[in-house]
Amino acid sequence: MVVTGPVEANEKRINGIESYEVQSVNRLVRGVMMRGQRLNLSIRADHFAGIGDFYLFGLVLDEFFSEYAGMNSFTQLNTTNSNTGED
């Protein structure tokens, strides 16, 4: 895919998501047990301009998912570079 503009670049980033897994988790926050979801994403780093682009994409997704978490719950996003296996 030849990237010619911002729309194509964003499509390439989204197409870089290879797999995802969602797990229910519990966490102790200020003495109170909270329920949340851990989202594990496997992403191809070669779909990004560089490591900074990959990191920024993860930050944007983390903020997006946290906006849709229910009250008194949380989300935890873990990204893995599927090319190298690094978290």
C-alpha atoms as a PDB file:
ATOM      1  CA  MET A   1       0.000   0.000   0.000  1.00  0.00           C
ATOM      2  CA  VAL A   2       1.416   3.374  -1.042  1.00  0.00           C
ATOM      3  CA  VAL A   3       0.664   6.038   1.541  1.00  0.00           C
ATOM      4  CA  THR A   4      -0.305   9.299  -0.147  1.00  0.00           C
ATOM      5  CA  GLY A   5      -2.016  11.206   2.651  1.00  0.00           C
ATOM      6  CA  PRO A   6      -3.219  11.204   6.242  1.00  0.00           C
ATOM      7  CA  VAL A   7      -6.282   9.042   5.543  1.00  0.00           C
ATOM      8  CA  GLU A   8      -4.196   6.310   3.918  1.00  0.00           C
ATOM      9  CA  ALA A   9      -1.627   6.514   6.733  1.00  0.00           C
ATOM     10  CA  ASN A  10      -4.349   6.024   9.346  1.00  0.00           C
ATOM     11  CA  GLU A  11      -5.839   3.100   7.410  1.00  0.00           C
ATOM     12  CA  LYS A  12      -2.388   1.507   7.289  1.00  0.00           C
ATOM     13  CA  ARG A  13      -2.021   1.935  11.073  1.00  0.00           C
ATOM     14  CA  ILE A  14      -5.429   0.358  11.721  1.00  0.00           C
ATOM     15  CA  ASN A  15      -4.652  -2.503   9.330  1.00  0.00           C
ATOM     16  CA  GLY A  16      -1.500  -3.098  11.398  1.00  0.00           C
ATOM     17  CA  ILE A  17      -3.633  -4.471  14.253  1.00  0.00           C
ATOM     18  CA  GLU A  18      -3.231  -8.231  13.865  1.00  0.00           C
ATOM     19  CA  SER A  19      -5.111  -9.550  16.880  1.00  0.00           C
ATOM     20  CA  TYR A  20      -6.704  -8.549  20.144  1.00  0.00           C
ATOM     21  CA  GLU A  21      -7.714 -10.251  23.364  1.00  0.00           C
ATOM     22  CA  VAL A  22      -9.906  -8.880  26.165  1.00  0.00           C
ATOM     23  CA  GLN A  23      -9.658 -10.172  29.743  1.00  0.00           C
ATOM     24  CA  SER A  24     -11.594  -9.219  32.879  1.00  0.00           C
ATOM     25  CA  VAL A  25      -9.267  -8.145  35.688  1.00  0.00           C
ATOM     26  CA  ASN A  26      -9.523  -6.839  39.250  1.00  0.00           C
ATOM     27  CA  ARG A  27      -7.335  -4.141  40.771  1.00  0.00           C
ATOM     28  CA  LEU A  28      -7.073  -2.623  44.223  1.00  0.00           C
ATOM     29  CA  VAL A  29      -7.426   1.177  43.926  1.00  0.00           C
ATOM     30  CA  ARG A  30      -7.213   3.250  47.125  1.00  0.00           C
ATOM     31  CA  GLY A  31      -8.392   0.284  49.177  1.00  0.00           C
ATOM     32  CA  VAL A  32     -11.348  -0.524  46.904  1.00  0.00           C
ATOM     33  CA  MET A  33     -11.473  -3.510  44.549  1.00  0.00           C
ATOM     34  CA  MET A  34     -12.298  -2.374  41.004  1.00  0.00           C
ATOM     35  CA  ARG A  35     -13.199  -4.446  37.969  1.00  0.00           C
ATOM     36  CA  GLY A  36     -11.809  -3.615  34.604  1.00  0.00           C
ATOM     37  CA  GLN A  37     -10.686  -4.955  31.269  1.00  0.00           C
ATOM     38  CA  ARG A  38      -7.196  -5.677  29.998  1.00  0.00           C
ATOM     39  CA  LEU A  39      -6.922  -5.239  26.243  1.00  0.00           C
ATOM     40  CA  ASN A  40      -3.979  -7.014  24.616  1.00  0.00           C
ATOM     41  CA  LEU A  41      -3.247  -5.847  21.071  1.00  0.00           C
ATOM     42  CA  SER A  42      -0.735  -7.413  18.715  1.00  0.00           C
ATOM     43  CA  ILE A  43       0.342  -4.745  16.221  1.00  0.00           C
ATOM     44  CA  ARG A  44       2.730  -4.837  13.252  1.00  0.00           C
ATOM     45  CA  ALA A  45       5.298  -2.082  13.781  1.00  0.00           C
ATOM     46  CA  ASP A  46       6.161  -2.003  10.070  1.00  0.00           C
ATOM     47  CA  HIS A  47       2.791  -0.305   9.468  1.00  0.00           C
ATOM     48  CA  PHE A  48       4.062   2.803  11.274  1.00  0.00           C
ATOM     49  CA  ALA A  49       6.509   5.563  10.369  1.00  0.00           C
ATOM     50  CA  GLY A  50       8.650   4.778  13.425  1.00  0.00           C
ATOM     51  CA  ILE A  51       8.633   3.783  17.065  1.00  0.00           C
ATOM     52  CA  GLY A  52       7.241   7.185  18.075  1.00  0.00           C
ATOM     53  CA  ASP A  53       4.312   6.756  15.689  1.00  0.00           C
ATOM     54  CA  PHE A  54       3.673   3.282  17.144  1.00  0.00           C
ATOM     55  CA  TYR A  55       3.779   4.707  20.704  1.00  0.00           C
ATOM     56  CA  LEU A  56       1.441   7.597  19.855  1.00  0.00           C
ATOM     57  CA  PHE A  57      -1.057   5.192  18.264  1.00  0.00           C
ATOM     58  CA  GLY A  58      -1.098   3.205  21.515  1.00  0.00           C
ATOM     59  CA  LEU A  59      -1.676   6.368  23.564  1.00  0.00           C
ATOM     60  CA  VAL A  60      -4.592   7.416  21.365  1.00  0.00           C
ATOM     61  CA  LEU A  61      -6.172   3.947  21.598  1.00  0.00           C
ATOM     62  CA  ASP A  62      -5.687   3.899  25.377  1.00  0.00           C
ATOM     63  CA  GLU A  63      -7.487   7.239  25.721  1.00  0.00           C
ATOM     64  CA  PHE A  64     -10.250   6.099  23.344  1.00  0.00           C
ATOM     65  CA  PHE A  65     -10.920   2.869  25.270  1.00  0.00           C
ATOM     66  CA  SER A  66     -10.824   4.634  28.648  1.00  0.00           C
ATOM     67  CA  GLU A  67     -13.581   7.021  27.515  1.00  0.00           C
ATOM     68  CA  TYR A  68     -15.914   4.033  27.045  1.00  0.00           C
ATOM     69  CA  ALA A  69     -15.156   2.318  30.364  1.00  0.00           C
ATOM     70  CA  GLY A  70     -18.093   2.161  32.733  1.00  0.00           C
ATOM     71  CA  MET A  71     -18.227   4.173  35.920  1.00  0.00           C
ATOM     72  CA  ASN A  72     -16.015   2.709  38.658  1.00  0.00           C
ATOM     73  CA  SER A  73     -14.142   0.528  36.176  1.00  0.00           C
ATOM     74  CA  PHE A  74     -10.930   0.838  34.187  1.00  0.00           C
ATOM     75  CA  THR A  75      -9.162  -0.290  31.046  1.00  0.00           C
ATOM     76  CA  GLN A  76      -5.553  -1.388  30.717  1.00  0.00           C
ATOM     77  CA  LEU A  77      -4.069  -1.456  27.217  1.00  0.00           C
ATOM     78  CA  ASN A  78      -1.068  -3.669  26.457  1.00  0.00           C
ATOM     79  CA  THR A  79       0.457  -3.457  22.990  1.00  0.00           C
ATOM     80  CA  THR A  80       2.885  -5.975  21.550  1.00  0.00           C
ATOM     81  CA  ASN A  81       5.027  -5.460  18.461  1.00  0.00           C
ATOM     82  CA  SER A  82       4.178  -8.614  16.513  1.00  0.00           C
ATOM     83  CA  ASN A  83       7.361  -8.274  14.426  1.00  0.00           C
ATOM     84  CA  THR A  84       9.710  -8.514  17.429  1.00  0.00           C
ATOM     85  CA  GLY A  85       7.488  -9.715  20.284  1.00  0.00           C
ATOM     86  CA  GLU A  86       8.362  -6.663  22.405  1.00  0.00           C
ATOM     87  CA  ASP A  87       5.734  -5.086  24.665  1.00  0.00           C
END
